Amino acid sequence: MPSPLHTPVFHLAQVNTARIRGRDLQDPVMEGFTSQLDAINALARSNPGFIWQWDEAGPEAIPEPWKDPRVVTNLSVWETLEALQAFTYAGTHAGMVRRRRE
């Protein structure tokens, strides 16, 4: 049995990239999505197993690798796959996942 001092610790990084329907996030068609971002991000941060989220430094800290305002990216780090799955597919966030085509 390995010593606890030598047992590697791993976390799970989740990256989600999407092309939005609006011209950018300020487009009125995106209001249903953007109006919920703060609440969903706060929910993630309070969820068991959450470690870190890329945009915690503010949107200006997120690079635009595609130079396309319609492409948005989210990155978060979780302790386990089970913690990420519980957040993504249960509760409030699950409702947003079901409405993603809107």
PDB file of N, CA and C in Angstrom:
ATOM      1  N   MET A   1       0.852  -1.178   0.000  1.00  0.00           N
ATOM      2  CA  MET A   1       0.000   0.000   0.000  1.00  0.00           C
ATOM      3  C   MET A   1       0.899   1.244   0.000  1.00  0.00           C
ATOM      4  N   PRO A   2       0.646   2.189  -0.925  1.00  0.00           N
ATOM      5  CA  PRO A   2       1.493   3.383  -0.989  1.00  0.00           C
ATOM      6  C   PRO A   2       1.293   4.280   0.233  1.00  0.00           C
ATOM      7  N   SER A   3       2.348   4.949   0.590  1.00  0.00           N
ATOM      8  CA  SER A   3       2.303   5.910   1.683  1.00  0.00           C
ATOM      9  C   SER A   3       1.437   7.100   1.266  1.00  0.00           C
ATOM     10  N   PRO A   4       0.664   7.697   2.188  1.00  0.00           N
ATOM     11  CA  PRO A   4      -0.140   8.872   1.840  1.00  0.00           C
ATOM     12  C   PRO A   4       0.709  10.027   1.311  1.00  0.00           C
ATOM     13  N   LEU A   5       1.980  10.072   1.694  1.00  0.00           N
ATOM     14  CA  LEU A   5       2.851  11.140   1.204  1.00  0.00           C
ATOM     15  C   LEU A   5       3.230  10.940  -0.254  1.00  0.00           C
ATOM     16  N   HIS A   6       3.083   9.717  -0.754  1.00  0.00           N
ATOM     17  CA  HIS A   6       3.472   9.420  -2.127  1.00  0.00           C
ATOM     18  C   HIS A   6       2.282   9.097  -3.025  1.00  0.00           C
ATOM     19  N   THR A   7       1.088   9.196  -2.496  1.00  0.00           N
ATOM     20  CA  THR A   7      -0.103   8.933  -3.293  1.00  0.00           C
ATOM     21  C   THR A   7      -0.406  10.173  -4.131  1.00  0.00           C
ATOM     22  N   PRO A   8      -0.440  10.005  -5.462  1.00  0.00           N
ATOM     23  CA  PRO A   8      -0.732  11.170  -6.300  1.00  0.00           C
ATOM     24  C   PRO A   8      -2.163  11.654  -6.079  1.00  0.00           C
ATOM     25  N   VAL A   9      -2.352  12.947  -6.217  1.00  0.00           N
ATOM     26  CA  VAL A   9      -3.667  13.551  -6.091  1.00  0.00           C
ATOM     27  C   VAL A   9      -4.027  14.123  -7.455  1.00  0.00           C
ATOM     28  N   PHE A  10      -5.183  13.756  -7.939  1.00  0.00           N
ATOM     29  CA  PHE A  10      -5.637  14.233  -9.237  1.00  0.00           C
ATOM     30  C   PHE A  10      -6.943  14.992  -9.076  1.00  0.00           C
ATOM     31  N   HIS A  11      -7.151  15.945  -9.963  1.00  0.00           N
ATOM     32  CA  HIS A  11      -8.407  16.659 -10.048  1.00  0.00           C
ATOM     33  C   HIS A  11      -8.894  16.573 -11.483  1.00  0.00           C
ATOM     34  N   LEU A  12     -10.124  16.921 -11.690  1.00  0.00           N
ATOM     35  CA  LEU A  12     -10.732  16.855 -13.009  1.00  0.00           C
ATOM     36  C   LEU A  12     -10.968  18.266 -13.531  1.00  0.00           C
ATOM     37  N   ALA A  13     -10.433  18.567 -14.701  1.00  0.00           N
ATOM     38  CA  ALA A  13     -10.678  19.854 -15.353  1.00  0.00           C
ATOM     39  C   ALA A  13     -11.786  19.662 -16.375  1.00  0.00           C
ATOM     40  N   GLN A  14     -12.746  20.550 -16.349  1.00  0.00           N
ATOM     41  CA  GLN A  14     -13.878  20.521 -17.263  1.00  0.00           C
ATOM     42  C   GLN A  14     -13.798  21.748 -18.147  1.00  0.00           C
ATOM     43  N   VAL A  15     -13.831  21.555 -19.459  1.00  0.00           N
ATOM     44  CA  VAL A  15     -13.824  22.675 -20.402  1.00  0.00           C
ATOM     45  C   VAL A  15     -15.075  22.554 -21.265  1.00  0.00           C
ATOM     46  N   ASN A  16     -15.798  23.651 -21.367  1.00  0.00           N
ATOM     47  CA  ASN A  16     -17.001  23.684 -22.183  1.00  0.00           C
ATOM     48  C   ASN A  16     -16.860  24.858 -23.139  1.00  0.00           C
ATOM     49  N   THR A  17     -16.912  24.582 -24.432  1.00  0.00           N
ATOM     50  CA  THR A  17     -16.834  25.625 -25.450  1.00  0.00           C
ATOM     51  C   THR A  17     -18.111  25.567 -26.276  1.00  0.00           C
ATOM     52  N   ALA A  18     -18.709  26.732 -26.505  1.00  0.00           N
ATOM     53  CA  ALA A  18     -19.964  26.778 -27.250  1.00  0.00           C
ATOM     54  C   ALA A  18     -19.986  27.986 -28.171  1.00  0.00           C
ATOM     55  N   ARG A  19     -20.757  27.865 -29.221  1.00  0.00           N
ATOM     56  CA  ARG A  19     -21.010  28.995 -30.109  1.00  0.00           C
ATOM     57  C   ARG A  19     -22.416  29.488 -29.775  1.00  0.00           C
ATOM     58  N   ILE A  20     -22.512  30.735 -29.335  1.00  0.00           N
ATOM     59  CA  ILE A  20     -23.788  31.288 -28.897  1.00  0.00           C
ATOM     60  C   ILE A  20     -24.630  31.743 -30.093  1.00  0.00           C
ATOM     61  N   ARG A  21     -25.907  31.912 -29.855  1.00  0.00           N
ATOM     62  CA  ARG A  21     -26.831  32.330 -30.922  1.00  0.00           C
ATOM     63  C   ARG A  21     -26.749  33.826 -31.223  1.00  0.00           C
ATOM     64  N   GLY A  22     -26.398  34.621 -30.232  1.00  0.00           N
ATOM     65  CA  GLY A  22     -26.332  36.067 -30.413  1.00  0.00           C
ATOM     66  C   GLY A  22     -25.028  36.510 -31.057  1.00  0.00           C
ATOM     67  N   ARG A  23     -24.950  37.807 -31.365  1.00  0.00           N
ATOM     68  CA  ARG A  23     -23.715  38.380 -31.917  1.00  0.00           C
ATOM     69  C   ARG A  23     -22.587  38.317 -30.901  1.00  0.00           C
ATOM     70  N   ASP A  24     -22.961  38.486 -29.617  1.00  0.00           N
ATOM     71  CA  ASP A  24     -22.046  38.412 -28.482  1.00  0.00           C
ATOM     72  C   ASP A  24     -22.901  38.191 -27.245  1.00  0.00           C
ATOM     73  N   LEU A  25     -22.293  38.147 -26.071  1.00  0.00           N
ATOM     74  CA  LEU A  25     -23.066  37.888 -24.854  1.00  0.00           C
ATOM     75  C   LEU A  25     -24.003  39.028 -24.478  1.00  0.00           C
ATOM     76  N   GLN A  26     -23.786  40.239 -25.036  1.00  0.00           N
ATOM     77  CA  GLN A  26     -24.657  41.372 -24.738  1.00  0.00           C
ATOM     78  C   GLN A  26     -25.883  41.408 -25.652  1.00  0.00           C
ATOM     79  N   ASP A  27     -25.928  40.576 -26.670  1.00  0.00           N
ATOM     80  CA  ASP A  27     -27.067  40.527 -27.590  1.00  0.00           C
ATOM     81  C   ASP A  27     -28.331  40.179 -26.789  1.00  0.00           C
ATOM     82  N   PRO A  28     -29.450  40.863 -27.029  1.00  0.00           N
ATOM     83  CA  PRO A  28     -30.683  40.588 -26.281  1.00  0.00           C
ATOM     84  C   PRO A  28     -31.129  39.119 -26.341  1.00  0.00           C
ATOM     85  N   VAL A  29     -30.826  38.420 -27.408  1.00  0.00           N
ATOM     86  CA  VAL A  29     -31.223  37.016 -27.507  1.00  0.00           C
ATOM     87  C   VAL A  29     -30.521  36.145 -26.455  1.00  0.00           C
ATOM     88  N   MET A  30     -29.431  36.644 -25.893  1.00  0.00           N
ATOM     89  CA  MET A  30     -28.655  35.894 -24.898  1.00  0.00           C
ATOM     90  C   MET A  30     -29.088  36.200 -23.464  1.00  0.00           C
ATOM     91  N   GLU A  31     -30.052  37.097 -23.274  1.00  0.00           N
ATOM     92  CA  GLU A  31     -30.452  37.535 -21.937  1.00  0.00           C
ATOM     93  C   GLU A  31     -30.892  36.377 -21.038  1.00  0.00           C
ATOM     94  N   GLY A  32     -31.604  35.412 -21.578  1.00  0.00           N
ATOM     95  CA  GLY A  32     -32.029  34.269 -20.774  1.00  0.00           C
ATOM     96  C   GLY A  32     -30.862  33.479 -20.215  1.00  0.00           C
ATOM     97  N   PHE A  33     -29.772  33.431 -20.955  1.00  0.00           N
ATOM     98  CA  PHE A  33     -28.549  32.736 -20.526  1.00  0.00           C
ATOM     99  C   PHE A  33     -27.728  33.611 -19.585  1.00  0.00           C
ATOM    100  N   THR A  34     -27.423  34.818 -20.030  1.00  0.00           N
ATOM    101  CA  THR A  34     -26.524  35.678 -19.246  1.00  0.00           C
ATOM    102  C   THR A  34     -27.130  36.107 -17.915  1.00  0.00           C
ATOM    103  N   SER A  35     -28.459  36.215 -17.853  1.00  0.00           N
ATOM    104  CA  SER A  35     -29.090  36.634 -16.601  1.00  0.00           C
ATOM    105  C   SER A  35     -28.928  35.579 -15.507  1.00  0.00           C
ATOM    106  N   GLN A  36     -28.582  34.353 -15.877  1.00  0.00           N
ATOM    107  CA  GLN A  36     -28.443  33.277 -14.899  1.00  0.00           C
ATOM    108  C   GLN A  36     -26.983  32.945 -14.571  1.00  0.00           C
ATOM    109  N   LEU A  37     -26.034  33.544 -15.283  1.00  0.00           N
ATOM    110  CA  LEU A  37     -24.629  33.177 -15.106  1.00  0.00           C
ATOM    111  C   LEU A  37     -24.121  33.372 -13.681  1.00  0.00           C
ATOM    112  N   ASP A  38     -24.373  34.521 -13.082  1.00  0.00           N
ATOM    113  CA  ASP A  38     -23.869  34.776 -11.728  1.00  0.00           C
ATOM    114  C   ASP A  38     -24.407  33.750 -10.735  1.00  0.00           C
ATOM    115  N   ALA A  39     -25.704  33.458 -10.840  1.00  0.00           N
ATOM    116  CA  ALA A  39     -26.316  32.497  -9.919  1.00  0.00           C
ATOM    117  C   ALA A  39     -25.757  31.091 -10.133  1.00  0.00           C
ATOM    118  N   ILE A  40     -25.588  30.685 -11.378  1.00  0.00           N
ATOM    119  CA  ILE A  40     -25.067  29.342 -11.665  1.00  0.00           C
ATOM    120  C   ILE A  40     -23.607  29.241 -11.227  1.00  0.00           C
ATOM    121  N   ASN A  41     -22.814  30.271 -11.477  1.00  0.00           N
ATOM    122  CA  ASN A  41     -21.415  30.244 -11.036  1.00  0.00           C
ATOM    123  C   ASN A  41     -21.320  30.198  -9.507  1.00  0.00           C
ATOM    124  N   ALA A  42     -22.183  30.938  -8.820  1.00  0.00           N
ATOM    125  CA  ALA A  42     -22.197  30.894  -7.352  1.00  0.00           C
ATOM    126  C   ALA A  42     -22.604  29.507  -6.871  1.00  0.00           C
ATOM    127  N   LEU A  43     -23.563  28.903  -7.547  1.00  0.00           N
ATOM    128  CA  LEU A  43     -23.995  27.553  -7.196  1.00  0.00           C
ATOM    129  C   LEU A  43     -22.843  26.563  -7.366  1.00  0.00           C
ATOM    130  N   ALA A  44     -22.115  26.679  -8.466  1.00  0.00           N
ATOM    131  CA  ALA A  44     -20.968  25.786  -8.683  1.00  0.00           C
ATOM    132  C   ALA A  44     -19.950  25.953  -7.562  1.00  0.00           C
ATOM    133  N   ARG A  45     -19.608  27.195  -7.232  1.00  0.00           N
ATOM    134  CA  ARG A  45     -18.602  27.449  -6.197  1.00  0.00           C
ATOM    135  C   ARG A  45     -19.020  26.913  -4.829  1.00  0.00           C
ATOM    136  N   SER A  46     -20.321  26.805  -4.590  1.00  0.00           N
ATOM    137  CA  SER A  46     -20.777  26.305  -3.297  1.00  0.00           C
ATOM    138  C   SER A  46     -20.994  24.788  -3.303  1.00  0.00           C
ATOM    139  N   ASN A  47     -20.839  24.168  -4.447  1.00  0.00           N
ATOM    140  CA  ASN A  47     -21.087  22.731  -4.569  1.00  0.00           C
ATOM    141  C   ASN A  47     -19.930  21.914  -3.999  1.00  0.00           C
ATOM    142  N   PRO A  48     -20.233  20.807  -3.324  1.00  0.00           N
ATOM    143  CA  PRO A  48     -19.157  19.925  -2.839  1.00  0.00           C
ATOM    144  C   PRO A  48     -18.311  19.441  -4.015  1.00  0.00           C
ATOM    145  N   GLY A  49     -17.011  19.473  -3.852  1.00  0.00           N
ATOM    146  CA  GLY A  49     -16.109  18.991  -4.878  1.00  0.00           C
ATOM    147  C   GLY A  49     -15.602  20.057  -5.830  1.00  0.00           C
ATOM    148  N   PHE A  50     -16.182  21.266  -5.780  1.00  0.00           N
ATOM    149  CA  PHE A  50     -15.714  22.359  -6.631  1.00  0.00           C
ATOM    150  C   PHE A  50     -14.377  22.871  -6.104  1.00  0.00           C
ATOM    151  N   ILE A  51     -13.432  23.144  -7.013  1.00  0.00           N
ATOM    152  CA  ILE A  51     -12.127  23.672  -6.612  1.00  0.00           C
ATOM    153  C   ILE A  51     -11.893  25.078  -7.151  1.00  0.00           C
ATOM    154  N   TRP A  52     -12.108  25.269  -8.459  1.00  0.00           N
ATOM    155  CA  TRP A  52     -11.705  26.535  -9.072  1.00  0.00           C
ATOM    156  C   TRP A  52     -12.458  26.729 -10.376  1.00  0.00           C
ATOM    157  N   GLN A  53     -12.666  28.010 -10.755  1.00  0.00           N
ATOM    158  CA  GLN A  53     -13.306  28.340 -12.029  1.00  0.00           C
ATOM    159  C   GLN A  53     -12.479  29.395 -12.737  1.00  0.00           C
ATOM    160  N   TRP A  54     -12.268  29.211 -14.013  1.00  0.00           N
ATOM    161  CA  TRP A  54     -11.412  30.076 -14.816  1.00  0.00           C
ATOM    162  C   TRP A  54     -11.829  31.529 -14.771  1.00  0.00           C
ATOM    163  N   ASP A  55     -13.095  31.824 -14.802  1.00  0.00           N
ATOM    164  CA  ASP A  55     -13.526  33.213 -14.897  1.00  0.00           C
ATOM    165  C   ASP A  55     -13.631  33.922 -13.555  1.00  0.00           C
ATOM    166  N   GLU A  56     -13.122  33.318 -12.485  1.00  0.00           N
ATOM    167  CA  GLU A  56     -13.176  33.998 -11.193  1.00  0.00           C
ATOM    168  C   GLU A  56     -12.385  35.304 -11.190  1.00  0.00           C
ATOM    169  N   ALA A  57     -11.434  35.444 -12.110  1.00  0.00           N
ATOM    170  CA  ALA A  57     -10.647  36.676 -12.197  1.00  0.00           C
ATOM    171  C   ALA A  57     -11.368  37.734 -13.021  1.00  0.00           C
ATOM    172  N   GLY A  58     -12.522  37.418 -13.551  1.00  0.00           N
ATOM    173  CA  GLY A  58     -13.281  38.363 -14.364  1.00  0.00           C
ATOM    174  C   GLY A  58     -13.152  38.047 -15.836  1.00  0.00           C
ATOM    175  N   PRO A  59     -14.135  38.458 -16.630  1.00  0.00           N
ATOM    176  CA  PRO A  59     -14.136  38.116 -18.047  1.00  0.00           C
ATOM    177  C   PRO A  59     -12.927  38.653 -18.803  1.00  0.00           C
ATOM    178  N   GLU A  60     -12.355  39.755 -18.330  1.00  0.00           N
ATOM    179  CA  GLU A  60     -11.190  40.311 -19.029  1.00  0.00           C
ATOM    180  C   GLU A  60      -9.964  39.394 -18.911  1.00  0.00           C
ATOM    181  N   ALA A  61      -9.977  38.466 -17.968  1.00  0.00           N
ATOM    182  CA  ALA A  61      -8.841  37.560 -17.784  1.00  0.00           C
ATOM    183  C   ALA A  61      -8.919  36.348 -18.702  1.00  0.00           C
ATOM    184  N   ILE A  62     -10.060  36.148 -19.361  1.00  0.00           N
ATOM    185  CA  ILE A  62     -10.228  34.977 -20.216  1.00  0.00           C
ATOM    186  C   ILE A  62      -9.790  35.330 -21.634  1.00  0.00           C
ATOM    187  N   PRO A  63      -8.783  34.644 -22.146  1.00  0.00           N
ATOM    188  CA  PRO A  63      -8.343  34.938 -23.512  1.00  0.00           C
ATOM    189  C   PRO A  63      -9.400  34.523 -24.531  1.00  0.00           C
ATOM    190  N   GLU A  64      -9.369  35.133 -25.665  1.00  0.00           N
ATOM    191  CA  GLU A  64     -10.285  34.805 -26.753  1.00  0.00           C
ATOM    192  C   GLU A  64      -9.503  34.049 -27.830  1.00  0.00           C
ATOM    193  N   PRO A  65      -9.285  32.761 -27.623  1.00  0.00           N
ATOM    194  CA  PRO A  65      -8.421  32.029 -28.549  1.00  0.00           C
ATOM    195  C   PRO A  65      -8.958  31.965 -29.971  1.00  0.00           C
ATOM    196  N   TRP A  66     -10.267  32.083 -30.146  1.00  0.00           N
ATOM    197  CA  TRP A  66     -10.822  31.985 -31.488  1.00  0.00           C
ATOM    198  C   TRP A  66     -11.095  33.346 -32.091  1.00  0.00           C
ATOM    199  N   LYS A  67     -10.896  34.394 -31.344  1.00  0.00           N
ATOM    200  CA  LYS A  67     -11.152  35.763 -31.810  1.00  0.00           C
ATOM    201  C   LYS A  67     -12.552  35.881 -32.404  1.00  0.00           C
ATOM    202  N   ASP A  68     -13.480  35.168 -31.828  1.00  0.00           N
ATOM    203  CA  ASP A  68     -14.868  35.168 -32.283  1.00  0.00           C
ATOM    204  C   ASP A  68     -15.750  35.434 -31.064  1.00  0.00           C
ATOM    205  N   PRO A  69     -16.442  36.577 -31.013  1.00  0.00           N
ATOM    206  CA  PRO A  69     -17.261  36.887 -29.839  1.00  0.00           C
ATOM    207  C   PRO A  69     -18.430  35.920 -29.643  1.00  0.00           C
ATOM    208  N   ARG A  70     -18.691  35.073 -30.629  1.00  0.00           N
ATOM    209  CA  ARG A  70     -19.777  34.098 -30.505  1.00  0.00           C
ATOM    210  C   ARG A  70     -19.301  32.779 -29.884  1.00  0.00           C
ATOM    211  N   VAL A  71     -17.996  32.641 -29.689  1.00  0.00           N
ATOM    212  CA  VAL A  71     -17.462  31.431 -29.061  1.00  0.00           C
ATOM    213  C   VAL A  71     -17.132  31.759 -27.604  1.00  0.00           C
ATOM    214  N   VAL A  72     -17.759  31.039 -26.689  1.00  0.00           N
ATOM    215  CA  VAL A  72     -17.527  31.252 -25.264  1.00  0.00           C
ATOM    216  C   VAL A  72     -16.975  29.974 -24.650  1.00  0.00           C
ATOM    217  N   THR A  73     -16.121  30.136 -23.655  1.00  0.00           N
ATOM    218  CA  THR A  73     -15.470  28.991 -23.022  1.00  0.00           C
ATOM    219  C   THR A  73     -15.593  29.103 -21.517  1.00  0.00           C
ATOM    220  N   ASN A  74     -15.801  27.981 -20.887  1.00  0.00           N
ATOM    221  CA  ASN A  74     -15.865  27.880 -19.434  1.00  0.00           C
ATOM    222  C   ASN A  74     -14.908  26.778 -19.012  1.00  0.00           C
ATOM    223  N   LEU A  75     -14.149  27.015 -17.967  1.00  0.00           N
ATOM    224  CA  LEU A  75     -13.229  26.013 -17.431  1.00  0.00           C
ATOM    225  C   LEU A  75     -13.415  25.962 -15.924  1.00  0.00           C
ATOM    226  N   SER A  76     -13.582  24.755 -15.400  1.00  0.00           N
ATOM    227  CA  SER A  76     -13.656  24.595 -13.953  1.00  0.00           C
ATOM    228  C   SER A  76     -12.885  23.351 -13.550  1.00  0.00           C
ATOM    229  N   VAL A  77     -12.509  23.292 -12.289  1.00  0.00           N
ATOM    230  CA  VAL A  77     -11.747  22.159 -11.759  1.00  0.00           C
ATOM    231  C   VAL A  77     -12.542  21.578 -10.593  1.00  0.00           C
ATOM    232  N   TRP A  78     -12.631  20.251 -10.579  1.00  0.00           N
ATOM    233  CA  TRP A  78     -13.431  19.520  -9.595  1.00  0.00           C
ATOM    234  C   TRP A  78     -12.599  18.437  -8.954  1.00  0.00           C
ATOM    235  N   GLU A  79     -12.962  18.070  -7.737  1.00  0.00           N
ATOM    236  CA  GLU A  79     -12.244  17.009  -7.026  1.00  0.00           C
ATOM    237  C   GLU A  79     -12.435  15.656  -7.703  1.00  0.00           C
ATOM    238  N   THR A  80     -13.660  15.376  -8.173  1.00  0.00           N
ATOM    239  CA  THR A  80     -13.956  14.074  -8.761  1.00  0.00           C
ATOM    240  C   THR A  80     -14.957  14.214  -9.901  1.00  0.00           C
ATOM    241  N   LEU A  81     -15.013  13.199 -10.739  1.00  0.00           N
ATOM    242  CA  LEU A  81     -16.017  13.140 -11.795  1.00  0.00           C
ATOM    243  C   LEU A  81     -17.419  13.128 -11.188  1.00  0.00           C
ATOM    244  N   GLU A  82     -17.593  12.425 -10.091  1.00  0.00           N
ATOM    245  CA  GLU A  82     -18.899  12.345  -9.446  1.00  0.00           C
ATOM    246  C   GLU A  82     -19.381  13.726  -8.979  1.00  0.00           C
ATOM    247  N   ALA A  83     -18.481  14.534  -8.464  1.00  0.00           N
ATOM    248  CA  ALA A  83     -18.862  15.888  -8.023  1.00  0.00           C
ATOM    249  C   ALA A  83     -19.303  16.737  -9.210  1.00  0.00           C
ATOM    250  N   LEU A  84     -18.575  16.658 -10.314  1.00  0.00           N
ATOM    251  CA  LEU A  84     -18.944  17.403 -11.522  1.00  0.00           C
ATOM    252  C   LEU A  84     -20.284  16.912 -12.060  1.00  0.00           C
ATOM    253  N   GLN A  85     -20.476  15.613 -12.113  1.00  0.00           N
ATOM    254  CA  GLN A  85     -21.741  15.065 -12.611  1.00  0.00           C
ATOM    255  C   GLN A  85     -22.913  15.490 -11.741  1.00  0.00           C
ATOM    256  N   ALA A  86     -22.740  15.470 -10.442  1.00  0.00           N
ATOM    257  CA  ALA A  86     -23.818  15.873  -9.538  1.00  0.00           C
ATOM    258  C   ALA A  86     -24.211  17.324  -9.791  1.00  0.00           C
ATOM    259  N   PHE A  87     -23.233  18.201  -9.986  1.00  0.00           N
ATOM    260  CA  PHE A  87     -23.534  19.605 -10.261  1.00  0.00           C
ATOM    261  C   PHE A  87     -24.197  19.763 -11.627  1.00  0.00           C
ATOM    262  N   THR A  88     -23.635  19.105 -12.641  1.00  0.00           N
ATOM    263  CA  THR A  88     -24.090  19.296 -14.016  1.00  0.00           C
ATOM    264  C   THR A  88     -25.489  18.751 -14.264  1.00  0.00           C
ATOM    265  N   TYR A  89     -25.778  17.574 -13.762  1.00  0.00           N
ATOM    266  CA  TYR A  89     -27.002  16.871 -14.144  1.00  0.00           C
ATOM    267  C   TYR A  89     -28.057  16.773 -13.053  1.00  0.00           C
ATOM    268  N   ALA A  90     -27.886  17.488 -11.958  1.00  0.00           N
ATOM    269  CA  ALA A  90     -28.894  17.493 -10.897  1.00  0.00           C
ATOM    270  C   ALA A  90     -29.160  18.938 -10.488  1.00  0.00           C
ATOM    271  N   GLY A  91     -30.327  19.212 -10.029  1.00  0.00           N
ATOM    272  CA  GLY A  91     -30.639  20.532  -9.497  1.00  0.00           C
ATOM    273  C   GLY A  91     -30.774  21.623 -10.543  1.00  0.00           C
ATOM    274  N   THR A  92     -30.473  22.837 -10.133  1.00  0.00           N
ATOM    275  CA  THR A  92     -30.668  24.031 -10.956  1.00  0.00           C
ATOM    276  C   THR A  92     -29.911  23.976 -12.268  1.00  0.00           C
ATOM    277  N   HIS A  93     -28.652  23.559 -12.232  1.00  0.00           N
ATOM    278  CA  HIS A  93     -27.866  23.521 -13.462  1.00  0.00           C
ATOM    279  C   HIS A  93     -28.452  22.550 -14.472  1.00  0.00           C
ATOM    280  N   ALA A  94     -29.017  21.458 -14.014  1.00  0.00           N
ATOM    281  CA  ALA A  94     -29.626  20.468 -14.921  1.00  0.00           C
ATOM    282  C   ALA A  94     -30.727  21.110 -15.755  1.00  0.00           C
ATOM    283  N   GLY A  95     -31.476  22.028 -15.144  1.00  0.00           N
ATOM    284  CA  GLY A  95     -32.509  22.734 -15.886  1.00  0.00           C
ATOM    285  C   GLY A  95     -31.939  23.562 -17.024  1.00  0.00           C
ATOM    286  N   MET A  96     -30.795  24.179 -16.787  1.00  0.00           N
ATOM    287  CA  MET A  96     -30.143  24.949 -17.852  1.00  0.00           C
ATOM    288  C   MET A  96     -29.636  24.012 -18.951  1.00  0.00           C
ATOM    289  N   VAL A  97     -29.117  22.873 -18.582  1.00  0.00           N
ATOM    290  CA  VAL A  97     -28.637  21.911 -19.581  1.00  0.00           C
ATOM    291  C   VAL A  97     -29.800  21.489 -20.479  1.00  0.00           C
ATOM    292  N   ARG A  98     -30.952  21.239 -19.882  1.00  0.00           N
ATOM    293  CA  ARG A  98     -32.121  20.834 -20.680  1.00  0.00           C
ATOM    294  C   ARG A  98     -32.576  21.935 -21.615  1.00  0.00           C
ATOM    295  N   ARG A  99     -32.322  23.193 -21.276  1.00  0.00           N
ATOM    296  CA  ARG A  99     -32.764  24.321 -22.103  1.00  0.00           C
ATOM    297  C   ARG A  99     -31.676  24.836 -23.048  1.00  0.00           C
ATOM    298  N   ARG A 100     -30.571  24.134 -23.174  1.00  0.00           N
ATOM    299  CA  ARG A 100     -29.424  24.645 -23.939  1.00  0.00           C
ATOM    300  C   ARG A 100     -29.750  24.975 -25.390  1.00  0.00           C
ATOM    301  N   ARG A 101     -30.707  24.320 -25.992  1.00  0.00           N
ATOM    302  CA  ARG A 101     -31.061  24.610 -27.400  1.00  0.00           C
ATOM    303  C   ARG A 101     -31.747  25.970 -27.549  1.00  0.00           C
ATOM    304  N   GLU A 102     -32.301  26.475 -26.448  1.00  0.00           N
ATOM    305  CA  GLU A 102     -32.930  27.793 -26.478  1.00  0.00           C
ATOM    306  C   GLU A 102     -31.899  28.867 -26.624  1.00  0.00           C
TER     307      GLU A 102
END
